[in-house]
């Protein structure tokens, strides 16, 4: 992922066809260890393709995917009826706490 991000940054920075050396240099300058083999494979896969068109195509594919529903345990829990526990209201005689007594003090 870091290799792809470096490639994208180079393209966005104006380098339309970054080389493997460009990607490795950017990663090294950022203090990240680069994997030359992965970079070479990525550069080979991108050969002859426009990066912006690949990104636009990927976004279009993602837009058609839709979102996934909840996982099976969550769906099962949501489908199960939930029993609501009703609290029993207990009447408590407060003994005229606020002055409603017949006692005159």
PDB file of N, CA and C in Angstrom:
ATOM      1  N   UNK A   1       0.813  -1.186   0.000  1.00  0.00           N
ATOM      2  CA  UNK A   1       0.000   0.000   0.000  1.00  0.00           C
ATOM      3  C   UNK A   1       0.864   1.261   0.000  1.00  0.00           C
ATOM      4  N   UNK A   2       1.962   1.220   0.767  1.00  0.00           N
ATOM      5  CA  UNK A   2       2.832   2.392   0.821  1.00  0.00           C
ATOM      6  C   UNK A   2       3.463   2.672  -0.540  1.00  0.00           C
ATOM      7  N   UNK A   3       3.695   1.607  -1.316  1.00  0.00           N
ATOM      8  CA  UNK A   3       4.282   1.790  -2.641  1.00  0.00           C
ATOM      9  C   UNK A   3       3.293   2.463  -3.581  1.00  0.00           C
ATOM     10  N   UNK A   4       2.046   2.037  -3.500  1.00  0.00           N
ATOM     11  CA  UNK A   4       0.996   2.639  -4.320  1.00  0.00           C
ATOM     12  C   UNK A   4       0.786   4.099  -3.929  1.00  0.00           C
ATOM     13  N   UNK A   5       0.804   4.371  -2.630  1.00  0.00           N
ATOM     14  CA  UNK A   5       0.632   5.748  -2.161  1.00  0.00           C
ATOM     15  C   UNK A   5       1.769   6.640  -2.659  1.00  0.00           C
ATOM     16  N   UNK A   6       2.983   6.126  -2.629  1.00  0.00           N
ATOM     17  CA  UNK A   6       4.129   6.896  -3.123  1.00  0.00           C
ATOM     18  C   UNK A   6       3.993   7.150  -4.618  1.00  0.00           C
ATOM     19  N   UNK A   7       3.567   6.127  -5.358  1.00  0.00           N
ATOM     20  CA  UNK A   7       3.360   6.279  -6.799  1.00  0.00           C
ATOM     21  C   UNK A   7       2.313   7.356  -7.064  1.00  0.00           C
ATOM     22  N   UNK A   8       1.202   7.297  -6.311  1.00  0.00           N
ATOM     23  CA  UNK A   8       0.121   8.273  -6.494  1.00  0.00           C
ATOM     24  C   UNK A   8       0.602   9.689  -6.177  1.00  0.00           C
ATOM     25  N   UNK A   9       1.383   9.830  -5.117  1.00  0.00           N
ATOM     26  CA  UNK A   9       1.903  11.156  -4.777  1.00  0.00           C
ATOM     27  C   UNK A   9       2.807  11.708  -5.879  1.00  0.00           C
ATOM     28  N   UNK A  10       3.612  10.836  -6.460  1.00  0.00           N
ATOM     29  CA  UNK A  10       4.481  11.281  -7.556  1.00  0.00           C
ATOM     30  C   UNK A  10       3.662  11.713  -8.772  1.00  0.00           C
ATOM     31  N   UNK A  11       2.613  10.959  -9.082  1.00  0.00           N
ATOM     32  CA  UNK A  11       1.758  11.317 -10.223  1.00  0.00           C
ATOM     33  C   UNK A  11       1.051  12.643  -9.940  1.00  0.00           C
ATOM     34  N   UNK A  12       0.504  12.780  -8.739  1.00  0.00           N
ATOM     35  CA  UNK A  12      -0.184  14.018  -8.382  1.00  0.00           C
ATOM     36  C   UNK A  12       0.775  15.201  -8.333  1.00  0.00           C
ATOM     37  N   UNK A  13       2.044  14.925  -8.100  1.00  0.00           N
ATOM     38  CA  UNK A  13       3.068  15.969  -8.075  1.00  0.00           C
ATOM     39  C   UNK A  13       3.557  16.372  -9.451  1.00  0.00           C
ATOM     40  N   UNK A  14       3.067  15.709 -10.490  1.00  0.00           N
ATOM     41  CA  UNK A  14       3.421  16.106 -11.848  1.00  0.00           C
ATOM     42  C   UNK A  14       4.242  15.096 -12.621  1.00  0.00           C
ATOM     43  N   UNK A  15       4.703  14.028 -11.998  1.00  0.00           N
ATOM     44  CA  UNK A  15       5.481  13.003 -12.686  1.00  0.00           C
ATOM     45  C   UNK A  15       4.498  11.953 -13.212  1.00  0.00           C
ATOM     46  N   UNK A  16       4.154  12.037 -14.502  1.00  0.00           N
ATOM     47  CA  UNK A  16       3.125  11.160 -15.070  1.00  0.00           C
ATOM     48  C   UNK A  16       3.533   9.690 -15.114  1.00  0.00           C
ATOM     49  N   UNK A  17       4.808   9.415 -15.272  1.00  0.00           N
ATOM     50  CA  UNK A  17       5.297   8.029 -15.359  1.00  0.00           C
ATOM     51  C   UNK A  17       6.449   7.831 -14.377  1.00  0.00           C
ATOM     52  N   UNK A  18       6.163   7.735 -13.076  1.00  0.00           N
ATOM     53  CA  UNK A  18       7.252   7.533 -12.110  1.00  0.00           C
ATOM     54  C   UNK A  18       7.940   6.190 -12.325  1.00  0.00           C
ATOM     55  N   UNK A  19       9.234   6.180 -12.158  1.00  0.00           N
ATOM     56  CA  UNK A  19       9.997   4.937 -12.285  1.00  0.00           C
ATOM     57  C   UNK A  19      10.101   4.278 -10.906  1.00  0.00           C
ATOM     58  N   UNK A  20      10.605   3.062 -10.896  1.00  0.00           N
ATOM     59  CA  UNK A  20      10.807   2.347  -9.637  1.00  0.00           C
ATOM     60  C   UNK A  20      11.785   3.128  -8.755  1.00  0.00           C
ATOM     61  N   UNK A  21      12.794   3.732  -9.390  1.00  0.00           N
ATOM     62  CA  UNK A  21      13.780   4.511  -8.637  1.00  0.00           C
ATOM     63  C   UNK A  21      13.125   5.736  -7.996  1.00  0.00           C
ATOM     64  N   UNK A  22      12.176   6.352  -8.718  1.00  0.00           N
ATOM     65  CA  UNK A  22      11.461   7.514  -8.165  1.00  0.00           C
ATOM     66  C   UNK A  22      10.670   7.121  -6.921  1.00  0.00           C
ATOM     67  N   UNK A  23       9.975   6.001  -7.001  1.00  0.00           N
ATOM     68  CA  UNK A  23       9.157   5.528  -5.878  1.00  0.00           C
ATOM     69  C   UNK A  23      10.057   5.171  -4.695  1.00  0.00           C
ATOM     70  N   UNK A  24      11.149   4.472  -4.958  1.00  0.00           N
ATOM     71  CA  UNK A  24      12.080   4.090  -3.893  1.00  0.00           C
ATOM     72  C   UNK A  24      12.687   5.322  -3.228  1.00  0.00           C
ATOM     73  N   UNK A  25      13.035   6.323  -4.027  1.00  0.00           N
ATOM     74  CA  UNK A  25      13.631   7.546  -3.474  1.00  0.00           C
ATOM     75  C   UNK A  25      12.625   8.266  -2.589  1.00  0.00           C
ATOM     76  N   UNK A  26      11.387   8.370  -3.025  1.00  0.00           N
ATOM     77  CA  UNK A  26      10.363   9.043  -2.227  1.00  0.00           C
ATOM     78  C   UNK A  26      10.156   8.332  -0.887  1.00  0.00           C
ATOM     79  N   UNK A  27      10.079   7.012  -0.948  1.00  0.00           N
ATOM     80  CA  UNK A  27       9.896   6.249   0.287  1.00  0.00           C
ATOM     81  C   UNK A  27      11.101   6.398   1.219  1.00  0.00           C
ATOM     82  N   UNK A  28      12.298   6.356   0.647  1.00  0.00           N
ATOM     83  CA  UNK A  28      13.508   6.506   1.453  1.00  0.00           C
ATOM     84  C   UNK A  28      13.548   7.885   2.097  1.00  0.00           C
ATOM     85  N   UNK A  29      13.197   8.914   1.336  1.00  0.00           N
ATOM     86  CA  UNK A  29      13.182  10.281   1.867  1.00  0.00           C
ATOM     87  C   UNK A  29      12.150  10.439   2.982  1.00  0.00           C
ATOM     88  N   UNK A  30      11.087   9.632   2.922  1.00  0.00           N
ATOM     89  CA  UNK A  30      10.046   9.689   3.948  1.00  0.00           C
ATOM     90  C   UNK A  30      10.397   8.821   5.151  1.00  0.00           C
ATOM     91  N   UNK A  31      11.511   8.103   5.063  1.00  0.00           N
ATOM     92  CA  UNK A  31      11.943   7.267   6.176  1.00  0.00           C
ATOM     93  C   UNK A  31      11.276   5.910   6.211  1.00  0.00           C
ATOM     94  N   UNK A  32      10.795   5.457   5.065  1.00  0.00           N
ATOM     95  CA  UNK A  32      10.094   4.175   4.970  1.00  0.00           C
ATOM     96  C   UNK A  32      10.947   3.208   4.167  1.00  0.00           C
ATOM     97  N   UNK A  33      10.984   1.954   4.601  1.00  0.00           N
ATOM     98  CA  UNK A  33      11.749   0.934   3.891  1.00  0.00           C
ATOM     99  C   UNK A  33      10.943   0.491   2.665  1.00  0.00           C
ATOM    100  N   UNK A  34      11.576   0.520   1.511  1.00  0.00           N
ATOM    101  CA  UNK A  34      10.918   0.149   0.260  1.00  0.00           C
ATOM    102  C   UNK A  34      11.244  -1.293  -0.104  1.00  0.00           C
ATOM    103  N   UNK A  35      10.290  -1.973  -0.704  1.00  0.00           N
ATOM    104  CA  UNK A  35      10.491  -3.341  -1.189  1.00  0.00           C
ATOM    105  C   UNK A  35      10.636  -3.257  -2.709  1.00  0.00           C
ATOM    106  N   UNK A  36      11.857  -3.371  -3.186  1.00  0.00           N
ATOM    107  CA  UNK A  36      12.151  -3.188  -4.615  1.00  0.00           C
ATOM    108  C   UNK A  36      11.361  -4.150  -5.490  1.00  0.00           C
ATOM    109  N   UNK A  37      11.205  -5.375  -5.037  1.00  0.00           N
ATOM    110  CA  UNK A  37      10.490  -6.376  -5.838  1.00  0.00           C
ATOM    111  C   UNK A  37       9.020  -5.976  -6.037  1.00  0.00           C
ATOM    112  N   UNK A  38       8.382  -5.531  -4.968  1.00  0.00           N
ATOM    113  CA  UNK A  38       6.980  -5.107  -5.070  1.00  0.00           C
ATOM    114  C   UNK A  38       6.837  -3.871  -5.951  1.00  0.00           C
ATOM    115  N   UNK A  39       7.799  -2.966  -5.839  1.00  0.00           N
ATOM    116  CA  UNK A  39       7.755  -1.749  -6.661  1.00  0.00           C
ATOM    117  C   UNK A  39       7.896  -2.093  -8.131  1.00  0.00           C
ATOM    118  N   UNK A  40       8.812  -3.002  -8.453  1.00  0.00           N
ATOM    119  CA  UNK A  40       9.005  -3.417  -9.850  1.00  0.00           C
ATOM    120  C   UNK A  40       7.737  -4.058 -10.409  1.00  0.00           C
ATOM    121  N   UNK A  41       7.086  -4.916  -9.609  1.00  0.00           N
ATOM    122  CA  UNK A  41       5.838  -5.545 -10.056  1.00  0.00           C
ATOM    123  C   UNK A  41       4.757  -4.500 -10.289  1.00  0.00           C
ATOM    124  N   UNK A  42       4.668  -3.522  -9.397  1.00  0.00           N
ATOM    125  CA  UNK A  42       3.660  -2.477  -9.528  1.00  0.00           C
ATOM    126  C   UNK A  42       3.910  -1.642 -10.784  1.00  0.00           C
ATOM    127  N   UNK A  43       5.134  -1.252 -11.002  1.00  0.00           N
ATOM    128  CA  UNK A  43       5.480  -0.450 -12.185  1.00  0.00           C
ATOM    129  C   UNK A  43       5.153  -1.233 -13.455  1.00  0.00           C
ATOM    130  N   UNK A  44       5.452  -2.539 -13.455  1.00  0.00           N
ATOM    131  CA  UNK A  44       5.153  -3.376 -14.622  1.00  0.00           C
ATOM    132  C   UNK A  44       3.643  -3.477 -14.843  1.00  0.00           C
ATOM    133  N   UNK A  45       2.874  -3.573 -13.769  1.00  0.00           N
ATOM    134  CA  UNK A  45       1.417  -3.668 -13.895  1.00  0.00           C
ATOM    135  C   UNK A  45       0.807  -2.367 -14.403  1.00  0.00           C
ATOM    136  N   UNK A  46       1.437  -1.237 -14.092  1.00  0.00           N
ATOM    137  CA  UNK A  46       0.919   0.068 -14.510  1.00  0.00           C
ATOM    138  C   UNK A  46       1.417   0.485 -15.885  1.00  0.00           C
ATOM    139  N   UNK A  47       2.311  -0.295 -16.486  1.00  0.00           N
ATOM    140  CA  UNK A  47       2.921   0.053 -17.770  1.00  0.00           C
ATOM    141  C   UNK A  47       1.851   0.266 -18.845  1.00  0.00           C
ATOM    142  N   UNK A  48       1.911   1.429 -19.491  1.00  0.00           N
ATOM    143  CA  UNK A  48       0.999   1.739 -20.588  1.00  0.00           C
ATOM    144  C   UNK A  48      -0.400   2.166 -20.137  1.00  0.00           C
ATOM    145  N   UNK A  49      -0.590   2.356 -18.854  1.00  0.00           N
ATOM    146  CA  UNK A  49      -1.897   2.756 -18.340  1.00  0.00           C
ATOM    147  C   UNK A  49      -1.809   4.137 -17.721  1.00  0.00           C
ATOM    148  N   UNK A  50      -2.888   4.890 -17.861  1.00  0.00           N
ATOM    149  CA  UNK A  50      -2.965   6.209 -17.261  1.00  0.00           C
ATOM    150  C   UNK A  50      -3.462   6.058 -15.825  1.00  0.00           C
ATOM    151  N   UNK A  51      -2.723   6.611 -14.871  1.00  0.00           N
ATOM    152  CA  UNK A  51      -3.059   6.436 -13.451  1.00  0.00           C
ATOM    153  C   UNK A  51      -4.442   7.006 -13.120  1.00  0.00           C
ATOM    154  N   UNK A  52      -4.745   8.208 -13.635  1.00  0.00           N
ATOM    155  CA  UNK A  52      -6.043   8.822 -13.340  1.00  0.00           C
ATOM    156  C   UNK A  52      -7.201   7.985 -13.880  1.00  0.00           C
ATOM    157  N   UNK A  53      -6.993   7.373 -15.046  1.00  0.00           N
ATOM    158  CA  UNK A  53      -8.037   6.516 -15.623  1.00  0.00           C
ATOM    159  C   UNK A  53      -8.211   5.246 -14.783  1.00  0.00           C
ATOM    160  N   UNK A  54      -7.108   4.705 -14.264  1.00  0.00           N
ATOM    161  CA  UNK A  54      -7.209   3.514 -13.406  1.00  0.00           C
ATOM    162  C   UNK A  54      -7.965   3.845 -12.120  1.00  0.00           C
ATOM    163  N   UNK A  55      -7.686   5.004 -11.541  1.00  0.00           N
ATOM    164  CA  UNK A  55      -8.366   5.414 -10.313  1.00  0.00           C
ATOM    165  C   UNK A  55      -9.853   5.622 -10.587  1.00  0.00           C
ATOM    166  N   UNK A  56     -10.174   6.307 -11.692  1.00  0.00           N
ATOM    167  CA  UNK A  56     -11.577   6.551 -12.032  1.00  0.00           C
ATOM    168  C   UNK A  56     -12.308   5.228 -12.269  1.00  0.00           C
ATOM    169  N   UNK A  57     -11.663   4.281 -12.938  1.00  0.00           N
ATOM    170  CA  UNK A  57     -12.264   2.971 -13.177  1.00  0.00           C
ATOM    171  C   UNK A  57     -12.497   2.216 -11.874  1.00  0.00           C
ATOM    172  N   UNK A  58     -11.545   2.309 -10.957  1.00  0.00           N
ATOM    173  CA  UNK A  58     -11.687   1.653  -9.654  1.00  0.00           C
ATOM    174  C   UNK A  58     -12.819   2.254  -8.846  1.00  0.00           C
ATOM    175  N   UNK A  59     -12.943   3.570  -8.883  1.00  0.00           N
ATOM    176  CA  UNK A  59     -14.034   4.226  -8.166  1.00  0.00           C
ATOM    177  C   UNK A  59     -15.391   3.844  -8.750  1.00  0.00           C
ATOM    178  N   UNK A  60     -15.448   3.724 -10.070  1.00  0.00           N
ATOM    179  CA  UNK A  60     -16.704   3.322 -10.712  1.00  0.00           C
ATOM    180  C   UNK A  60     -17.094   1.908 -10.303  1.00  0.00           C
ATOM    181  N   UNK A  61     -16.114   1.017 -10.224  1.00  0.00           N
ATOM    182  CA  UNK A  61     -16.401  -0.358  -9.788  1.00  0.00           C
ATOM    183  C   UNK A  61     -16.874  -0.383  -8.340  1.00  0.00           C
ATOM    184  N   UNK A  62     -16.246   0.406  -7.500  1.00  0.00           N
ATOM    185  CA  UNK A  62     -16.633   0.441  -6.085  1.00  0.00           C
ATOM    186  C   UNK A  62     -18.048   0.984  -5.911  1.00  0.00           C
ATOM    187  N   UNK A  63     -18.448   1.908  -6.776  1.00  0.00           N
ATOM    188  CA  UNK A  63     -19.783   2.494  -6.665  1.00  0.00           C
ATOM    189  C   UNK A  63     -20.870   1.470  -6.967  1.00  0.00           C
ATOM    190  N   UNK A  64     -20.555   0.446  -7.761  1.00  0.00           N
ATOM    191  CA  UNK A  64     -21.556  -0.562  -8.106  1.00  0.00           C
ATOM    192  C   UNK A  64     -21.653  -1.679  -7.074  1.00  0.00           C
ATOM    193  N   UNK A  65     -20.731  -1.718  -6.125  1.00  0.00           N
ATOM    194  CA  UNK A  65     -20.685  -2.824  -5.169  1.00  0.00           C
ATOM    195  C   UNK A  65     -21.790  -2.767  -4.129  1.00  0.00           C
ATOM    196  N   UNK A  66     -22.176  -1.613  -3.687  1.00  0.00           N
ATOM    197  CA  UNK A  66     -23.165  -1.528  -2.619  1.00  0.00           C
ATOM    198  C   UNK A  66     -22.531  -1.894  -1.303  1.00  0.00           C
ATOM    199  N   UNK A  67     -23.277  -1.677  -0.251  1.00  0.00           N
ATOM    200  CA  UNK A  67     -22.713  -1.988   1.062  1.00  0.00           C
ATOM    201  C   UNK A  67     -23.205  -3.334   1.531  1.00  0.00           C
ATOM    202  N   UNK A  68     -22.419  -3.960   2.349  1.00  0.00           N
ATOM    203  CA  UNK A  68     -22.774  -5.278   2.885  1.00  0.00           C
ATOM    204  C   UNK A  68     -23.699  -5.108   4.067  1.00  0.00           C
ATOM    205  N   UNK A  69     -24.534  -6.094   4.269  1.00  0.00           N
ATOM    206  CA  UNK A  69     -25.420  -6.087   5.424  1.00  0.00           C
ATOM    207  C   UNK A  69     -24.653  -6.526   6.654  1.00  0.00           C
ATOM    208  N   UNK A  70     -25.305  -6.545   7.757  1.00  0.00           N
ATOM    209  CA  UNK A  70     -24.622  -6.972   8.981  1.00  0.00           C
ATOM    210  C   UNK A  70     -24.258  -8.448   8.920  1.00  0.00           C
ATOM    211  N   UNK A  71     -23.300  -8.836   9.704  1.00  0.00           N
ATOM    212  CA  UNK A  71     -22.885 -10.237   9.725  1.00  0.00           C
ATOM    213  C   UNK A  71     -23.997 -11.100  10.290  1.00  0.00           C
ATOM    214  N   UNK A  72     -23.907 -12.405  10.104  1.00  0.00           N
ATOM    215  CA  UNK A  72     -24.972 -13.329  10.506  1.00  0.00           C
ATOM    216  C   UNK A  72     -25.335 -13.223  11.982  1.00  0.00           C
ATOM    217  N   UNK A  73     -24.381 -13.215  12.918  1.00  0.00           N
ATOM    218  CA  UNK A  73     -24.781 -13.107  14.328  1.00  0.00           C
ATOM    219  C   UNK A  73     -25.507 -11.802  14.637  1.00  0.00           C
ATOM    220  N   UNK A  74     -25.070 -10.726  14.000  1.00  0.00           N
ATOM    221  CA  UNK A  74     -25.724  -9.441  14.234  1.00  0.00           C
ATOM    222  C   UNK A  74     -27.130  -9.454  13.647  1.00  0.00           C
ATOM    223  N   UNK A  75     -27.277 -10.025  12.456  1.00  0.00           N
ATOM    224  CA  UNK A  75     -28.589 -10.090  11.829  1.00  0.00           C
ATOM    225  C   UNK A  75     -29.534 -10.965  12.645  1.00  0.00           C
ATOM    226  N   UNK A  76     -29.023 -12.070  13.165  1.00  0.00           N
ATOM    227  CA  UNK A  76     -29.853 -12.959  13.972  1.00  0.00           C
ATOM    228  C   UNK A  76     -30.289 -12.265  15.261  1.00  0.00           C
ATOM    229  N   UNK A  77     -29.382 -11.538  15.855  1.00  0.00           N
ATOM    230  CA  UNK A  77     -29.716 -10.824  17.087  1.00  0.00           C
ATOM    231  C   UNK A  77     -30.734  -9.727  16.812  1.00  0.00           C
ATOM    232  N   UNK A  78     -30.626  -9.094  15.660  1.00  0.00           N
ATOM    233  CA  UNK A  78     -31.562  -8.030  15.327  1.00  0.00           C
ATOM    234  C   UNK A  78     -32.941  -8.599  15.019  1.00  0.00           C
ATOM    235  N   UNK A  79     -32.998  -9.804  14.474  1.00  0.00           N
ATOM    236  CA  UNK A  79     -34.268 -10.409  14.117  1.00  0.00           C
ATOM    237  C   UNK A  79     -34.983 -11.005  15.326  1.00  0.00           C
ATOM    238  N   UNK A  80     -34.244 -11.375  16.346  1.00  0.00           N
ATOM    239  CA  UNK A  80     -34.851 -11.982  17.539  1.00  0.00           C
ATOM    240  C   UNK A  80     -35.650 -10.927  18.294  1.00  0.00           C
ATOM    241  N   UNK A  81     -36.845 -11.304  18.744  1.00  0.00           N
ATOM    242  CA  UNK A  81     -37.645 -10.329  19.489  1.00  0.00           C
ATOM    243  C   UNK A  81     -36.974 -10.006  20.820  1.00  0.00           C
ATOM    244  N   UNK A  82     -37.016  -8.768  21.155  1.00  0.00           N
ATOM    245  CA  UNK A  82     -36.390  -8.318  22.382  1.00  0.00           C
ATOM    246  C   UNK A  82     -37.473  -8.153  23.442  1.00  0.00           C
ATOM    247  N   UNK A  83     -37.271  -8.842  24.550  1.00  0.00           N
ATOM    248  CA  UNK A  83     -38.225  -8.716  25.639  1.00  0.00           C
ATOM    249  C   UNK A  83     -37.863  -7.502  26.462  1.00  0.00           C
ATOM    250  N   UNK A  84     -38.822  -6.613  26.596  1.00  0.00           N
ATOM    251  CA  UNK A  84     -38.574  -5.431  27.395  1.00  0.00           C
ATOM    252  C   UNK A  84     -38.971  -5.718  28.826  1.00  0.00           C
ATOM    253  N   UNK A  85     -38.085  -5.410  29.711  1.00  0.00           N
ATOM    254  CA  UNK A  85     -38.385  -5.592  31.117  1.00  0.00           C
ATOM    255  C   UNK A  85     -39.032  -4.310  31.613  1.00  0.00           C
ATOM    256  N   UNK A  86     -40.238  -4.467  32.105  1.00  0.00           N
ATOM    257  CA  UNK A  86     -40.934  -3.304  32.619  1.00  0.00           C
ATOM    258  C   UNK A  86     -40.653  -3.196  34.111  1.00  0.00           C
ATOM    259  N   UNK A  87     -40.258  -2.026  34.495  1.00  0.00           N
ATOM    260  CA  UNK A  87     -40.008  -1.804  35.902  1.00  0.00           C
ATOM    261  C   UNK A  87     -41.330  -1.638  36.624  1.00  0.00           C
ATOM    262  N   UNK A  88     -41.444  -2.322  37.728  1.00  0.00           N
ATOM    263  CA  UNK A  88     -42.653  -2.175  38.522  1.00  0.00           C
ATOM    264  C   UNK A  88     -42.510  -0.916  39.357  1.00  0.00           C
ATOM    265  N   UNK A  89     -43.526  -0.095  39.270  1.00  0.00           N
ATOM    266  CA  UNK A  89     -43.516   1.135  40.029  1.00  0.00           C
ATOM    267  C   UNK A  89     -44.027   0.829  41.422  1.00  0.00           C
ATOM    268  N   UNK A  90     -43.227   1.088  42.374  1.00  0.00           N
ATOM    269  CA  UNK A  90     -43.585   0.812  43.756  1.00  0.00           C
ATOM    270  C   UNK A  90     -43.951   2.126  44.427  1.00  0.00           C
ATOM    271  N   UNK A  91     -45.146   2.148  44.982  1.00  0.00           N
ATOM    272  CA  UNK A  91     -45.564   3.362  45.672  1.00  0.00           C
ATOM    273  C   UNK A  91     -44.963   3.354  47.066  1.00  0.00           C
ATOM    274  N   UNK A  92     -44.332   4.430  47.413  1.00  0.00           N
ATOM    275  CA  UNK A  92     -43.679   4.548  48.702  1.00  0.00           C
ATOM    276  C   UNK A  92     -44.325   5.717  49.453  1.00  0.00           C
ATOM    277  N   UNK A  93     -44.700   5.470  50.655  1.00  0.00           N
ATOM    278  CA  UNK A  93     -45.262   6.528  51.489  1.00  0.00           C
ATOM    279  C   UNK A  93     -44.109   7.319  52.084  1.00  0.00           C
ATOM    280  N   UNK A  94     -43.947   8.543  51.634  1.00  0.00           N
ATOM    281  CA  UNK A  94     -42.844   9.374  52.094  1.00  0.00           C
ATOM    282  C   UNK A  94     -43.189  10.099  53.392  1.00  0.00           C
ATOM    283  N   UNK A  95     -44.398   9.899  53.893  1.00  0.00           N
ATOM    284  CA  UNK A  95     -44.763  10.474  55.183  1.00  0.00           C
ATOM    285  C   UNK A  95     -44.813  11.977  55.198  1.00  0.00           C
ATOM    286  N   UNK A  96     -45.328  12.588  54.170  1.00  0.00           N
ATOM    287  CA  UNK A  96     -45.452  14.042  54.153  1.00  0.00           C
ATOM    288  C   UNK A  96     -44.118  14.747  54.126  1.00  0.00           C
ATOM    289  N   UNK A  97     -43.227  14.232  53.369  1.00  0.00           N
ATOM    290  CA  UNK A  97     -41.877  14.772  53.294  1.00  0.00           C
ATOM    291  C   UNK A  97     -41.872  16.259  52.940  1.00  0.00           C
ATOM    292  N   UNK A  98     -42.839  16.662  52.123  1.00  0.00           N
ATOM    293  CA  UNK A  98     -42.850  18.045  51.682  1.00  0.00           C
ATOM    294  C   UNK A  98     -43.997  18.851  52.284  1.00  0.00           C
ATOM    295  N   UNK A  99     -44.475  18.440  53.438  1.00  0.00           N
ATOM    296  CA  UNK A  99     -45.436  19.251  54.161  1.00  0.00           C
ATOM    297  C   UNK A  99     -46.881  18.948  53.895  1.00  0.00           C
ATOM    298  N   UNK A 100     -47.233  17.799  53.446  1.00  0.00           N
ATOM    299  CA  UNK A 100     -48.626  17.465  53.198  1.00  0.00           C
ATOM    300  C   UNK A 100     -49.273  16.759  54.379  1.00  0.00           C
ATOM    301  N   UNK A 101     -48.609  16.732  55.530  1.00  0.00           N
ATOM    302  CA  UNK A 101     -49.140  16.034  56.693  1.00  0.00           C
ATOM    303  C   UNK A 101     -50.210  16.862  57.408  1.00  0.00           C
ATOM    304  N   UNK A 102     -50.960  16.132  58.246  1.00  0.00           N
ATOM    305  CA  UNK A 102     -51.917  16.821  59.089  1.00  0.00           C
ATOM    306  C   UNK A 102     -51.265  17.244  60.396  1.00  0.00           C
ATOM    307  N   UNK A 103     -50.029  16.787  60.609  1.00  0.00           N
ATOM    308  CA  UNK A 103     -49.315  17.157  61.832  1.00  0.00           C
ATOM    309  C   UNK A 103     -48.860  18.601  61.736  1.00  0.00           C
ATOM    310  N   UNK A 104     -49.186  19.356  62.736  1.00  0.00           N
ATOM    311  CA  UNK A 104     -48.726  20.742  62.766  1.00  0.00           C
ATOM    312  C   UNK A 104     -47.554  20.848  63.722  1.00  0.00           C
ATOM    313  N   UNK A 105     -46.443  21.192  63.263  1.00  0.00           N
ATOM    314  CA  UNK A 105     -45.284  21.342  64.118  1.00  0.00           C
ATOM    315  C   UNK A 105     -45.001  22.775  64.370  1.00  0.00           C
TER     316      UNK A 105
END
